[in-house]
Amino acid sequence: MEIFWLLLLGLAVAAFVSRPFWAGADPSRAEDPEVAALEAARDAKYREIRDARADRDSGKLPEEDFEILNAELRREAIAILDRLDRARSGEERSRGDQERTGDGSERATDREGRPEETESKLPDGPPSG
């Protein structure tokens, strides 16, 4: 009887471990490499901003230089966030989050079925910490 339970447990573990390789696995759940790269770039830019702030606070970076560097880093971060937002919205559309309009064209919708807004909602700055 112990062998039966061990065999059953082994089968359950094998099924759990091999599930991602089954033919019926949903490929749309895989992370988009472009989104992953942009998220890494965003995190790196936030670190640069925090490092510049720390350098200013420690006296390594004069205030005038910090203001110039901070403005440039924030512009770059906003550009990355814009690209990330576009990449994510493209990913959502490719997953079928589109709605047919009366004329046969498609428009993007949010999770509740309302049309997506076209304006990007970017944060004021990087998270502190």
Protein backbone atom coordinates (compact mmCIF):
# COMPACT_ATOMS: atom_id res chain seq x y z
CA MET A 1 0.00 0.00 0.00
CA GLU A 2 2.93 2.35 0.70
CA ILE A 3 4.22 1.83 -2.82
CA PHE A 4 0.84 2.89 -4.21
CA TRP A 5 0.90 6.17 -2.26
CA LEU A 6 4.52 6.88 -3.21
CA LEU A 7 3.73 6.20 -6.84
CA LEU A 8 0.68 8.47 -6.66
CA LEU A 9 2.73 11.23 -5.03
CA GLY A 10 5.44 10.84 -7.67
CA LEU A 11 2.88 11.15 -10.46
CA ALA A 12 1.38 14.26 -8.88
CA VAL A 13 4.80 15.90 -8.59
CA ALA A 14 5.70 14.95 -12.16
CA ALA A 15 2.43 16.39 -13.46
CA PHE A 16 2.95 19.62 -11.53
CA VAL A 17 6.53 20.06 -12.72
CA SER A 18 5.83 19.20 -16.36
CA ARG A 19 2.65 21.28 -16.73
CA PRO A 20 4.35 24.27 -18.45
CA PHE A 21 5.54 21.92 -21.21
CA TRP A 22 2.13 20.53 -22.07
CA ALA A 23 0.80 21.45 -25.50
CA GLY A 24 -2.29 23.12 -24.04
CA ALA A 25 -0.28 25.65 -22.01
CA ASP A 26 -1.31 29.24 -22.68
CA PRO A 27 1.55 30.95 -24.56
CA SER A 28 0.04 34.41 -24.00
CA ARG A 29 0.90 34.15 -20.30
CA ALA A 30 4.62 34.27 -21.13
CA GLU A 31 6.18 37.62 -20.36
CA ASP A 32 6.99 39.84 -23.30
CA PRO A 33 10.79 40.29 -23.49
CA GLU A 34 10.40 43.94 -24.52
CA VAL A 35 8.31 44.67 -21.42
CA ALA A 36 10.83 42.87 -19.22
CA ALA A 37 13.70 44.88 -20.72
CA LEU A 38 11.83 48.16 -20.26
CA GLU A 39 10.98 47.31 -16.65
CA ALA A 40 14.67 46.60 -16.00
CA ALA A 41 15.61 49.90 -17.65
CA ARG A 42 13.02 51.72 -15.54
CA ASP A 43 14.37 50.19 -12.33
CA ALA A 44 17.94 51.06 -13.33
CA LYS A 45 16.94 54.66 -14.06
CA TYR A 46 15.21 54.92 -10.67
CA ARG A 47 18.43 53.68 -9.05
CA GLU A 48 20.41 56.33 -10.93
CA ILE A 49 18.05 59.02 -9.66
CA ARG A 50 18.34 57.75 -6.07
CA ASP A 51 22.14 57.56 -6.40
CA ALA A 52 22.32 61.13 -7.68
CA ARG A 53 20.16 62.26 -4.76
CA ALA A 54 22.41 60.39 -2.33
CA ASP A 55 25.52 61.95 -3.91
CA ARG A 56 24.00 65.41 -3.52
CA ASP A 57 23.03 64.74 0.08
CA SER A 58 26.53 63.47 0.91
CA GLY A 59 28.18 66.49 -0.71
CA LYS A 60 29.79 64.57 -3.60
CA LEU A 61 27.61 66.37 -6.15
CA PRO A 62 27.07 70.15 -6.10
CA GLU A 63 23.46 71.35 -6.11
CA GLU A 64 23.76 72.95 -9.59
CA ASP A 65 25.11 69.74 -11.10
CA PHE A 66 22.43 67.72 -9.31
CA GLU A 67 19.65 69.86 -10.78
CA ILE A 68 20.97 69.32 -14.32
CA LEU A 69 21.57 65.60 -13.80
CA ASN A 70 18.22 65.10 -12.06
CA ALA A 71 16.32 66.81 -14.89
CA GLU A 72 18.07 64.67 -17.52
CA LEU A 73 17.52 61.43 -15.58
CA ARG A 74 13.84 62.24 -15.08
CA ARG A 75 13.40 62.99 -18.82
CA GLU A 76 14.97 59.62 -19.61
CA ALA A 77 12.77 57.89 -17.02
CA ILE A 78 9.63 59.44 -18.49
CA ALA A 79 10.67 58.29 -21.97
CA ILE A 80 11.16 54.75 -20.63
CA LEU A 81 7.77 54.87 -18.88
CA ASP A 82 6.10 56.03 -22.11
CA ARG A 83 7.68 53.15 -24.04
CA LEU A 84 6.73 50.71 -21.27
CA ASP A 85 3.14 51.94 -21.32
CA ARG A 86 2.96 51.50 -25.11
CA ALA A 87 4.53 48.04 -24.91
CA ARG A 88 2.11 46.95 -22.20
CA SER A 89 -0.93 48.26 -24.06
CA GLY A 90 0.25 46.43 -27.20
CA GLU A 91 0.66 43.25 -25.15
CA GLU A 92 -2.86 43.57 -23.78
CA ARG A 93 -4.29 44.12 -27.24
CA SER A 94 -2.48 41.08 -28.56
CA ARG A 95 -4.14 39.04 -25.81
CA GLY A 96 -7.56 39.92 -27.21
CA ASP A 97 -8.54 42.96 -25.16
CA GLN A 98 -10.09 44.55 -28.20
CA GLU A 99 -13.66 45.34 -28.94
CA ARG A 100 -15.27 45.36 -32.35
CA THR A 101 -17.03 48.59 -33.23
CA GLY A 102 -20.05 48.87 -35.48
CA ASP A 103 -17.95 49.55 -38.58
CA GLY A 104 -15.84 46.39 -38.11
CA SER A 105 -12.80 48.19 -36.73
CA GLU A 106 -11.36 47.41 -33.33
CA ARG A 107 -10.67 49.61 -30.34
CA ALA A 108 -8.90 48.83 -27.11
CA THR A 109 -10.96 48.41 -23.97
CA ASP A 110 -10.10 48.16 -20.29
CA ARG A 111 -11.04 45.21 -18.09
CA GLU A 112 -14.59 46.49 -17.60
CA GLY A 113 -15.14 46.90 -21.35
CA ARG A 114 -14.84 50.71 -21.37
CA PRO A 115 -12.71 52.30 -24.12
CA GLU A 116 -9.14 52.92 -22.97
CA GLU A 117 -8.04 56.49 -22.54
CA THR A 118 -5.34 57.65 -24.89
CA GLU A 119 -3.48 59.85 -22.40
CA SER A 120 -0.60 58.29 -20.54
CA LYS A 121 -0.77 58.49 -16.75
CA LEU A 122 2.84 58.76 -15.63
CA PRO A 123 3.94 59.14 -12.01
CA ASP A 124 5.47 62.41 -10.87
CA GLY A 125 8.75 60.76 -10.03
CA PRO A 126 10.44 57.58 -8.97
CA PRO A 127 9.44 55.86 -5.75
CA SER A 128 11.53 56.99 -2.84
CA GLY A 129 13.44 54.53 -0.78
